[in-house]
N, C-alpha and C. Protein backbone atom coordinates (compact mmCIF):
# COMPACT_ATOMS: atom_id res chain seq x y z
N MET A 1 14.60 -12.84 35.77
CA MET A 1 13.50 -12.58 34.76
C MET A 1 14.02 -11.82 33.20
N ARG A 2 13.68 -11.49 32.46
CA ARG A 2 13.93 -10.97 31.47
C ARG A 2 13.10 -9.75 30.75
N VAL A 3 14.49 -8.81 30.49
CA VAL A 3 13.74 -7.48 30.13
C VAL A 3 14.38 -7.66 28.47
N THR A 4 13.52 -7.02 27.96
CA THR A 4 13.67 -6.58 26.21
C THR A 4 13.73 -4.99 26.09
N ILE A 5 14.45 -4.37 25.86
CA ILE A 5 14.82 -2.75 25.93
C ILE A 5 14.69 -2.65 23.95
N TYR A 6 13.88 -2.18 23.34
CA TYR A 6 13.61 -1.42 21.97
C TYR A 6 14.71 -0.16 22.24
N THR A 7 15.58 -0.19 21.23
CA THR A 7 16.55 1.11 21.91
C THR A 7 16.69 1.62 20.27
N LYS A 8 17.60 2.62 20.49
CA LYS A 8 17.87 3.58 18.97
C LYS A 8 19.04 4.36 19.23
N ALA A 9 20.22 4.39 18.65
CA ALA A 9 21.09 5.06 18.73
C ALA A 9 21.12 6.29 19.01
N ASN A 10 22.64 6.70 19.72
CA ASN A 10 22.70 8.07 20.32
C ASN A 10 21.34 8.31 21.39
N CYS A 11 21.19 7.44 22.09
CA CYS A 11 19.53 7.45 23.10
C CYS A 11 20.15 7.06 24.68
N PRO A 12 20.45 8.75 25.15
CA PRO A 12 21.19 8.48 26.48
C PRO A 12 19.83 7.85 27.38
N ASN A 13 18.56 7.88 27.35
CA ASN A 13 17.89 7.13 27.97
C ASN A 13 18.25 5.44 27.82
N CYS A 14 18.20 4.92 26.59
CA CYS A 14 18.68 3.69 26.13
C CYS A 14 19.72 3.49 27.05
N VAL A 15 20.95 4.02 27.01
CA VAL A 15 22.01 3.51 27.81
C VAL A 15 21.71 3.46 29.29
N ALA A 16 20.85 4.54 29.99
CA ALA A 16 20.69 4.22 31.36
C ALA A 16 19.41 3.19 31.45
N ALA A 17 18.83 2.85 30.74
CA ALA A 17 17.79 1.63 31.03
C ALA A 17 18.85 0.32 31.06
N LYS A 18 19.17 0.28 30.11
CA LYS A 18 20.24 -0.83 30.04
C LYS A 18 20.98 -0.87 31.01
N LYS A 19 21.57 0.13 31.67
CA LYS A 19 22.50 -0.01 32.99
C LYS A 19 21.79 -0.50 34.06
N LEU A 20 20.39 0.21 34.06
CA LEU A 20 19.53 0.33 35.28
C LEU A 20 19.08 -1.57 35.57
N ALA A 21 18.68 -1.83 34.04
CA ALA A 21 18.66 -3.29 34.03
C ALA A 21 19.87 -4.39 34.51
N HIS A 22 20.70 -3.72 33.87
CA HIS A 22 21.77 -4.79 34.38
C HIS A 22 22.16 -4.43 35.66
N VAL A 23 22.16 -3.47 36.25
CA VAL A 23 22.76 -3.57 37.66
C VAL A 23 21.32 -4.20 38.99
N LYS A 24 19.91 -3.83 38.05
CA LYS A 24 19.09 -4.64 39.01
C LYS A 24 18.96 -6.22 38.44
N GLY A 25 20.13 -6.75 38.27
CA GLY A 25 20.45 -8.41 37.92
C GLY A 25 19.35 -8.70 36.41
N PHE A 26 18.94 -8.13 35.64
CA PHE A 26 17.64 -8.66 34.49
C PHE A 26 18.91 -9.28 33.52
N GLU A 27 18.02 -10.43 32.96
CA GLU A 27 18.82 -10.57 31.62
C GLU A 27 17.87 -10.11 31.02
N VAL A 28 18.98 -9.08 30.04
CA VAL A 28 18.92 -8.05 29.12
C VAL A 28 18.64 -9.08 27.35
N GLN A 29 17.79 -8.65 26.81
CA GLN A 29 17.47 -8.34 25.47
C GLN A 29 17.70 -7.01 24.72
N GLU A 30 18.72 -6.74 24.10
CA GLU A 30 18.64 -5.26 23.38
C GLU A 30 18.10 -5.52 21.93
N VAL A 31 17.22 -4.59 21.12
CA VAL A 31 16.45 -4.92 20.07
C VAL A 31 16.59 -3.18 19.54
N ASP A 32 17.19 -3.49 18.76
CA ASP A 32 18.14 -2.06 17.73
C ASP A 32 16.99 -1.98 16.71
N ILE A 33 15.90 -0.96 17.36
CA ILE A 33 14.63 -0.30 16.52
C ILE A 33 15.06 0.09 15.24
N GLU A 34 16.21 0.52 14.98
CA GLU A 34 16.32 1.11 13.66
C GLU A 34 16.94 0.12 12.29
N VAL A 35 16.87 -1.08 12.65
CA VAL A 35 17.38 -2.33 12.00
C VAL A 35 16.38 -3.02 10.97
N GLY A 36 16.27 -2.41 9.48
CA GLY A 36 15.14 -3.20 8.80
C GLY A 36 13.76 -2.67 9.31
N GLU A 37 12.64 -3.31 9.20
CA GLU A 37 11.41 -3.05 9.43
C GLU A 37 10.89 -3.09 11.07
N ARG A 38 11.67 -3.40 11.66
CA ARG A 38 11.36 -3.18 13.14
C ARG A 38 10.84 -1.81 13.59
N ARG A 39 11.52 -0.63 13.17
CA ARG A 39 10.37 0.62 13.53
C ARG A 39 8.82 0.42 12.96
N ALA A 40 9.12 0.21 11.86
CA ALA A 40 7.38 0.00 11.01
C ALA A 40 6.81 -0.85 11.96
N ASN A 41 7.17 -2.09 11.72
CA ASN A 41 6.12 -3.35 12.65
C ASN A 41 5.93 -2.87 14.39
N PHE A 42 7.22 -1.93 15.06
CA PHE A 42 6.74 -2.14 16.59
C PHE A 42 5.92 -0.88 16.45
N MET A 43 5.92 0.10 15.46
CA MET A 43 4.62 1.27 15.56
C MET A 43 3.48 1.13 15.22
N ALA A 44 3.29 -0.27 14.12
CA ALA A 44 2.24 -0.78 14.03
C ALA A 44 1.22 -1.56 15.07
N GLU A 45 2.01 -1.65 15.66
CA GLU A 45 1.40 -3.06 17.03
C GLU A 45 1.48 -1.63 18.38
N TYR A 46 2.41 -0.87 18.38
CA TYR A 46 1.82 -0.22 19.76
C TYR A 46 2.21 1.83 19.41
N PRO A 47 1.32 1.74 18.05
CA PRO A 47 1.22 3.08 18.11
C PRO A 47 1.14 4.45 19.18
N GLU A 48 0.65 3.93 20.12
CA GLU A 48 1.12 5.25 20.89
C GLU A 48 2.78 5.54 21.48
N ALA A 49 3.55 4.47 21.46
CA ALA A 49 4.90 4.35 21.54
C ALA A 49 5.23 5.75 21.09
N ARG A 50 6.32 7.10 21.59
CA ARG A 50 6.74 7.75 20.50
C ARG A 50 7.99 8.09 21.29
N GLN A 51 8.87 7.31 22.02
CA GLN A 51 10.26 7.68 22.53
C GLN A 51 11.02 6.77 22.61
N MET A 52 12.13 6.65 22.68
CA MET A 52 12.79 5.09 22.89
C MET A 52 13.54 5.80 24.40
N PRO A 53 14.03 4.53 25.14
CA PRO A 53 13.21 3.27 24.51
C PRO A 53 11.91 2.94 24.93
N GLN A 54 11.64 1.80 24.35
CA GLN A 54 10.49 0.90 25.01
C GLN A 54 11.26 -0.54 25.72
N ILE A 55 10.29 -0.47 26.70
CA ILE A 55 10.83 -1.61 27.52
C ILE A 55 9.84 -2.60 28.22
N PHE A 56 10.04 -3.77 27.98
CA PHE A 56 9.03 -4.85 28.30
C PHE A 56 9.70 -5.84 29.13
N ILE A 57 9.43 -6.14 30.53
CA ILE A 57 9.73 -6.92 31.65
C ILE A 57 9.14 -8.12 31.33
N GLY A 58 9.88 -9.26 30.83
CA GLY A 58 8.75 -10.04 30.41
C GLY A 58 7.84 -9.63 29.15
N ASP A 59 6.74 -10.21 29.31
CA ASP A 59 5.79 -9.75 27.89
C ASP A 59 5.31 -8.69 28.35
N GLN A 60 5.02 -7.57 29.20
CA GLN A 60 4.49 -6.48 29.72
C GLN A 60 5.06 -5.46 29.55
N ARG A 61 4.61 -4.64 28.51
CA ARG A 61 5.17 -3.28 27.99
C ARG A 61 4.62 -2.26 29.24
N VAL A 62 6.04 -2.04 29.73
CA VAL A 62 6.19 -0.39 30.43
C VAL A 62 6.31 0.84 30.02
N GLY A 63 7.20 1.21 28.63
CA GLY A 63 7.02 1.85 28.81
C GLY A 63 8.32 2.66 28.02
N GLY A 64 8.87 3.59 28.21
CA GLY A 64 9.77 4.06 28.65
C GLY A 64 10.77 3.82 29.58
N LEU A 65 12.13 5.08 30.09
CA LEU A 65 12.79 4.73 31.28
C LEU A 65 12.35 5.32 32.25
N ALA A 66 11.19 5.99 32.18
CA ALA A 66 10.42 6.51 33.61
C ALA A 66 9.02 5.27 33.81
N GLY A 67 8.77 4.52 32.95
CA GLY A 67 7.96 3.72 32.88
C GLY A 67 8.59 2.35 33.97
N PHE A 68 9.75 2.12 33.40
CA PHE A 68 10.44 0.94 33.78
C PHE A 68 10.84 1.14 35.46
N GLN A 69 11.35 2.46 35.60
CA GLN A 69 11.73 2.85 36.70
C GLN A 69 10.69 2.97 37.78
N ALA A 70 9.45 3.37 37.40
CA ALA A 70 7.94 2.99 38.08
C ALA A 70 7.46 1.39 38.57
N ALA A 71 7.63 0.40 37.33
CA ALA A 71 7.54 -0.57 37.67
C ALA A 71 8.66 -1.78 38.02
N LEU A 72 9.98 -0.86 38.38
CA LEU A 72 10.65 -1.45 39.36
C LEU A 72 10.36 -1.33 40.79
N GLN A 73 10.12 -0.21 41.17
CA GLN A 73 10.03 0.65 42.23
C GLN A 73 8.42 -0.84 42.88
N ILE A 74 7.69 -0.71 42.00
CA ILE A 74 6.18 -1.94 42.48
C ILE A 74 6.94 -3.33 42.65
N LEU A 75 7.71 -3.45 41.82
CA LEU A 75 7.91 -4.55 41.83
C LEU A 75 9.05 -4.97 43.45
N GLU A 76 9.79 -3.93 43.71
CA GLU A 76 10.89 -3.92 45.02
C GLU A 76 9.68 -3.92 45.74
N GLY A 77 8.50 -3.36 45.82
CA GLY A 77 7.49 -2.96 47.17
C GLY A 77 7.40 -1.69 47.55
N LYS A 78 7.82 -1.07 46.65
CA LYS A 78 8.59 0.24 47.14
C LYS A 78 7.03 1.52 46.74
N ALA A 79 6.15 1.05 45.92
CA ALA A 79 5.38 2.20 45.49
C ALA A 79 4.42 1.95 46.54
């Protein structure tokens, strides 16, 4: 399963999310939100997103690191 993680520089939660995704065996696609128009485009589509990282499992946005951890618990049947 693919995980897309929108990140920014100097973001400890971004680093933790990438590490967790790799440990769980996900194929990780990292998108640096600070390149070009990415931030403006992302915020136009997801104006409620106020933190980084923003994480998608497949096409489903789960939010930040806490949302990712909660989604993993559900996927693993622990919720």
